[in-house]
Amino acid sequence: MNLVSAFDVGRICIKTEGRDAGKRCVIVETLDKNFVICSGPEAVTGVRRRRVNMNHLKPLGEKLEIIKGASDEEIAPLMKK
């Protein structure tokens, strides 16, 4: 599996490490080959928007149609579905 396509904007993932381990989040922006910006958003899943190492994420088959850098207010209704 190509890691670049697995970790594109809008991909829903499960965090595997840290305080949010086991929770769902969505990739909002790709920073480089190792890091992405993820958001829960916090009001929905409890995951705050932050930089995350790709090795600490498990990508799921689901993907949201969002733009790069989408706000938590734009993501929240999509994640509730």
N, C-alpha and C. Protein backbone atom coordinates (compact mmCIF):
# COMPACT_ATOMS: atom_id res chain seq x y z
N MET A 1 0.84 -1.18 0.00
CA MET A 1 0.00 0.00 0.00
C MET A 1 0.89 1.24 0.00
N ASN A 2 0.57 2.19 -0.82
CA ASN A 2 1.31 3.44 -0.89
C ASN A 2 0.89 4.34 0.27
N LEU A 3 1.84 4.71 1.12
CA LEU A 3 1.51 5.50 2.31
C LEU A 3 0.99 6.88 1.96
N VAL A 4 1.45 7.46 0.87
CA VAL A 4 1.01 8.80 0.50
C VAL A 4 -0.49 8.80 0.22
N SER A 5 -0.99 7.82 -0.53
CA SER A 5 -2.41 7.79 -0.85
C SER A 5 -3.26 7.34 0.34
N ALA A 6 -2.67 6.56 1.25
CA ALA A 6 -3.42 6.10 2.42
C ALA A 6 -3.63 7.23 3.42
N PHE A 7 -2.78 8.24 3.38
CA PHE A 7 -2.85 9.34 4.33
C PHE A 7 -3.12 10.66 3.62
N ASP A 8 -4.16 10.68 2.78
CA ASP A 8 -4.51 11.91 2.09
C ASP A 8 -5.57 12.67 2.89
N VAL A 9 -5.80 13.93 2.51
CA VAL A 9 -6.74 14.80 3.22
C VAL A 9 -8.14 14.20 3.18
N GLY A 10 -8.78 14.11 4.34
CA GLY A 10 -10.12 13.56 4.45
C GLY A 10 -10.17 12.12 4.90
N ARG A 11 -9.04 11.43 4.94
CA ARG A 11 -8.99 10.03 5.36
C ARG A 11 -9.29 9.91 6.85
N ILE A 12 -10.19 9.02 7.21
CA ILE A 12 -10.50 8.76 8.61
C ILE A 12 -9.52 7.70 9.11
N CYS A 13 -8.94 7.94 10.28
CA CYS A 13 -7.94 7.05 10.86
C CYS A 13 -8.28 6.77 12.32
N ILE A 14 -7.64 5.75 12.86
CA ILE A 14 -7.71 5.47 14.29
C ILE A 14 -6.32 5.71 14.85
N LYS A 15 -6.25 6.50 15.92
CA LYS A 15 -4.95 6.76 16.56
C LYS A 15 -4.54 5.50 17.33
N THR A 16 -3.28 5.10 17.18
CA THR A 16 -2.79 3.88 17.81
C THR A 16 -1.89 4.15 19.00
N GLU A 17 -1.46 5.40 19.18
CA GLU A 17 -0.55 5.74 20.28
C GLU A 17 -1.04 6.99 21.00
N GLY A 18 -0.56 7.18 22.22
CA GLY A 18 -0.82 8.40 22.96
C GLY A 18 -2.15 8.40 23.70
N ARG A 19 -2.49 9.56 24.23
CA ARG A 19 -3.70 9.68 25.07
C ARG A 19 -4.98 9.44 24.28
N ASP A 20 -4.93 9.62 22.95
CA ASP A 20 -6.12 9.44 22.12
C ASP A 20 -6.15 8.08 21.43
N ALA A 21 -5.34 7.13 21.88
CA ALA A 21 -5.27 5.81 21.25
C ALA A 21 -6.65 5.16 21.23
N GLY A 22 -7.03 4.64 20.06
CA GLY A 22 -8.31 3.98 19.89
C GLY A 22 -9.42 4.90 19.41
N LYS A 23 -9.16 6.20 19.33
CA LYS A 23 -10.18 7.16 18.89
C LYS A 23 -10.03 7.47 17.41
N ARG A 24 -11.15 7.85 16.79
CA ARG A 24 -11.16 8.21 15.37
C ARG A 24 -10.78 9.67 15.18
N CYS A 25 -10.10 9.93 14.07
CA CYS A 25 -9.77 11.30 13.69
C CYS A 25 -9.74 11.37 12.17
N VAL A 26 -9.67 12.57 11.65
CA VAL A 26 -9.63 12.76 10.20
C VAL A 26 -8.40 13.61 9.86
N ILE A 27 -7.72 13.25 8.77
CA ILE A 27 -6.55 14.00 8.34
C ILE A 27 -7.00 15.29 7.67
N VAL A 28 -6.50 16.42 8.17
CA VAL A 28 -6.88 17.73 7.67
C VAL A 28 -5.83 18.27 6.71
N GLU A 29 -4.57 17.91 6.95
CA GLU A 29 -3.48 18.44 6.12
C GLU A 29 -2.28 17.51 6.22
N THR A 30 -1.53 17.36 5.12
CA THR A 30 -0.30 16.59 5.10
C THR A 30 0.87 17.56 5.19
N LEU A 31 1.74 17.37 6.19
CA LEU A 31 2.87 18.28 6.39
C LEU A 31 4.10 17.83 5.60
N ASP A 32 4.49 16.58 5.75
CA ASP A 32 5.63 16.02 5.03
C ASP A 32 5.48 14.51 4.98
N LYS A 33 6.55 13.79 4.71
CA LYS A 33 6.43 12.34 4.56
C LYS A 33 6.18 11.60 5.87
N ASN A 34 6.32 12.29 7.02
CA ASN A 34 6.14 11.64 8.31
C ASN A 34 4.99 12.19 9.15
N PHE A 35 4.56 13.42 8.89
CA PHE A 35 3.58 14.04 9.78
C PHE A 35 2.37 14.58 9.03
N VAL A 36 1.22 14.53 9.72
CA VAL A 36 -0.03 15.10 9.22
C VAL A 36 -0.68 15.89 10.35
N ILE A 37 -1.64 16.73 9.99
CA ILE A 37 -2.47 17.42 10.99
C ILE A 37 -3.78 16.65 11.06
N CYS A 38 -4.16 16.21 12.26
CA CYS A 38 -5.40 15.47 12.46
C CYS A 38 -6.31 16.23 13.40
N SER A 39 -7.61 16.00 13.23
CA SER A 39 -8.60 16.57 14.12
C SER A 39 -9.71 15.57 14.32
N GLY A 40 -10.34 15.61 15.49
CA GLY A 40 -11.43 14.69 15.81
C GLY A 40 -12.74 15.01 15.12
N PRO A 41 -13.24 16.17 15.22
CA PRO A 41 -12.87 17.27 16.11
C PRO A 41 -13.16 16.93 17.57
N GLU A 42 -12.60 17.70 18.47
CA GLU A 42 -12.67 17.39 19.91
C GLU A 42 -14.09 17.27 20.42
N ALA A 43 -15.00 18.09 19.92
CA ALA A 43 -16.40 18.05 20.38
C ALA A 43 -17.08 16.74 19.99
N VAL A 44 -16.61 16.07 18.95
CA VAL A 44 -17.25 14.85 18.46
C VAL A 44 -16.55 13.59 18.98
N THR A 45 -15.23 13.51 18.81
CA THR A 45 -14.51 12.29 19.17
C THR A 45 -13.55 12.46 20.34
N GLY A 46 -13.30 13.69 20.75
CA GLY A 46 -12.38 13.94 21.85
C GLY A 46 -10.94 14.11 21.41
N VAL A 47 -10.66 14.09 20.10
CA VAL A 47 -9.30 14.25 19.59
C VAL A 47 -9.08 15.71 19.20
N ARG A 48 -8.08 16.34 19.83
CA ARG A 48 -7.78 17.73 19.51
C ARG A 48 -7.01 17.81 18.20
N ARG A 49 -7.10 18.96 17.53
CA ARG A 49 -6.34 19.18 16.29
C ARG A 49 -4.87 19.31 16.65
N ARG A 50 -4.03 18.46 16.03
CA ARG A 50 -2.60 18.49 16.33
C ARG A 50 -1.81 17.75 15.27
N ARG A 51 -0.50 17.95 15.32
CA ARG A 51 0.42 17.25 14.42
C ARG A 51 0.58 15.82 14.92
N VAL A 52 0.50 14.85 14.00
CA VAL A 52 0.57 13.44 14.39
C VAL A 52 1.54 12.71 13.45
N ASN A 53 2.35 11.84 14.02
CA ASN A 53 3.23 10.99 13.23
C ASN A 53 2.38 9.95 12.51
N MET A 54 2.62 9.74 11.22
CA MET A 54 1.82 8.77 10.45
C MET A 54 1.95 7.35 11.00
N ASN A 55 3.07 7.05 11.67
CA ASN A 55 3.25 5.72 12.25
C ASN A 55 2.29 5.47 13.41
N HIS A 56 1.65 6.53 13.91
CA HIS A 56 0.72 6.41 15.04
C HIS A 56 -0.73 6.42 14.58
N LEU A 57 -0.95 6.25 13.28
CA LEU A 57 -2.30 6.24 12.72
C LEU A 57 -2.55 4.97 11.93
N LYS A 58 -3.77 4.46 12.04
CA LYS A 58 -4.20 3.32 11.22
C LYS A 58 -5.31 3.83 10.29
N PRO A 59 -5.02 3.94 8.98
CA PRO A 59 -6.03 4.47 8.06
C PRO A 59 -7.18 3.49 7.87
N LEU A 60 -8.39 4.02 7.77
CA LEU A 60 -9.57 3.20 7.50
C LEU A 60 -9.98 3.40 6.04
N GLY A 61 -10.90 2.61 5.57
CA GLY A 61 -11.36 2.70 4.20
C GLY A 61 -12.27 3.89 3.94
N GLU A 62 -12.68 4.58 5.00
CA GLU A 62 -13.61 5.69 4.87
C GLU A 62 -12.86 7.00 4.60
N LYS A 63 -13.49 7.89 3.83
CA LYS A 63 -12.89 9.17 3.52
C LYS A 63 -13.98 10.23 3.46
N LEU A 64 -13.70 11.41 4.04
CA LEU A 64 -14.62 12.54 3.99
C LEU A 64 -14.21 13.48 2.87
N GLU A 65 -15.20 14.10 2.25
CA GLU A 65 -14.92 15.08 1.20
C GLU A 65 -14.74 16.45 1.84
N ILE A 66 -13.49 16.75 2.23
CA ILE A 66 -13.18 18.04 2.84
C ILE A 66 -12.01 18.67 2.09
N ILE A 67 -11.85 19.97 2.26
CA ILE A 67 -10.72 20.66 1.65
C ILE A 67 -9.55 20.68 2.62
N LYS A 68 -8.34 20.89 2.11
CA LYS A 68 -7.15 20.96 2.94
C LYS A 68 -7.30 22.11 3.94
N GLY A 69 -7.06 21.82 5.22
CA GLY A 69 -7.15 22.84 6.25
C GLY A 69 -8.56 23.15 6.71
N ALA A 70 -9.51 22.26 6.46
CA ALA A 70 -10.90 22.49 6.85
C ALA A 70 -11.01 22.71 8.36
N SER A 71 -11.94 23.56 8.76
CA SER A 71 -12.11 23.87 10.18
C SER A 71 -12.87 22.75 10.89
N ASP A 72 -12.77 22.73 12.22
CA ASP A 72 -13.50 21.74 13.01
C ASP A 72 -15.00 21.87 12.82
N GLU A 73 -15.48 23.12 12.61
CA GLU A 73 -16.92 23.34 12.40
C GLU A 73 -17.39 22.70 11.09
N GLU A 74 -16.52 22.63 10.09
CA GLU A 74 -16.88 21.99 8.82
C GLU A 74 -16.82 20.47 8.93
N ILE A 75 -15.92 19.96 9.74
CA ILE A 75 -15.71 18.52 9.87
C ILE A 75 -16.74 17.87 10.79
N ALA A 76 -17.14 18.55 11.86
CA ALA A 76 -18.00 17.96 12.91
C ALA A 76 -19.26 17.31 12.36
N PRO A 77 -20.08 17.98 11.50
CA PRO A 77 -21.29 17.32 11.03
C PRO A 77 -21.02 16.09 10.17
N LEU A 78 -19.90 16.08 9.45
CA LEU A 78 -19.56 14.93 8.62
C LEU A 78 -19.13 13.74 9.47
N MET A 79 -18.40 14.01 10.56
CA MET A 79 -17.95 12.92 11.43
C MET A 79 -19.09 12.33 12.25
N LYS A 80 -20.12 13.12 12.53
CA LYS A 80 -21.26 12.60 13.30
C LYS A 80 -22.03 11.55 12.52
N LYS A 81 -21.97 11.64 11.19
CA LYS A 81 -22.66 10.64 10.34
C LYS A 81 -21.92 9.35 10.44
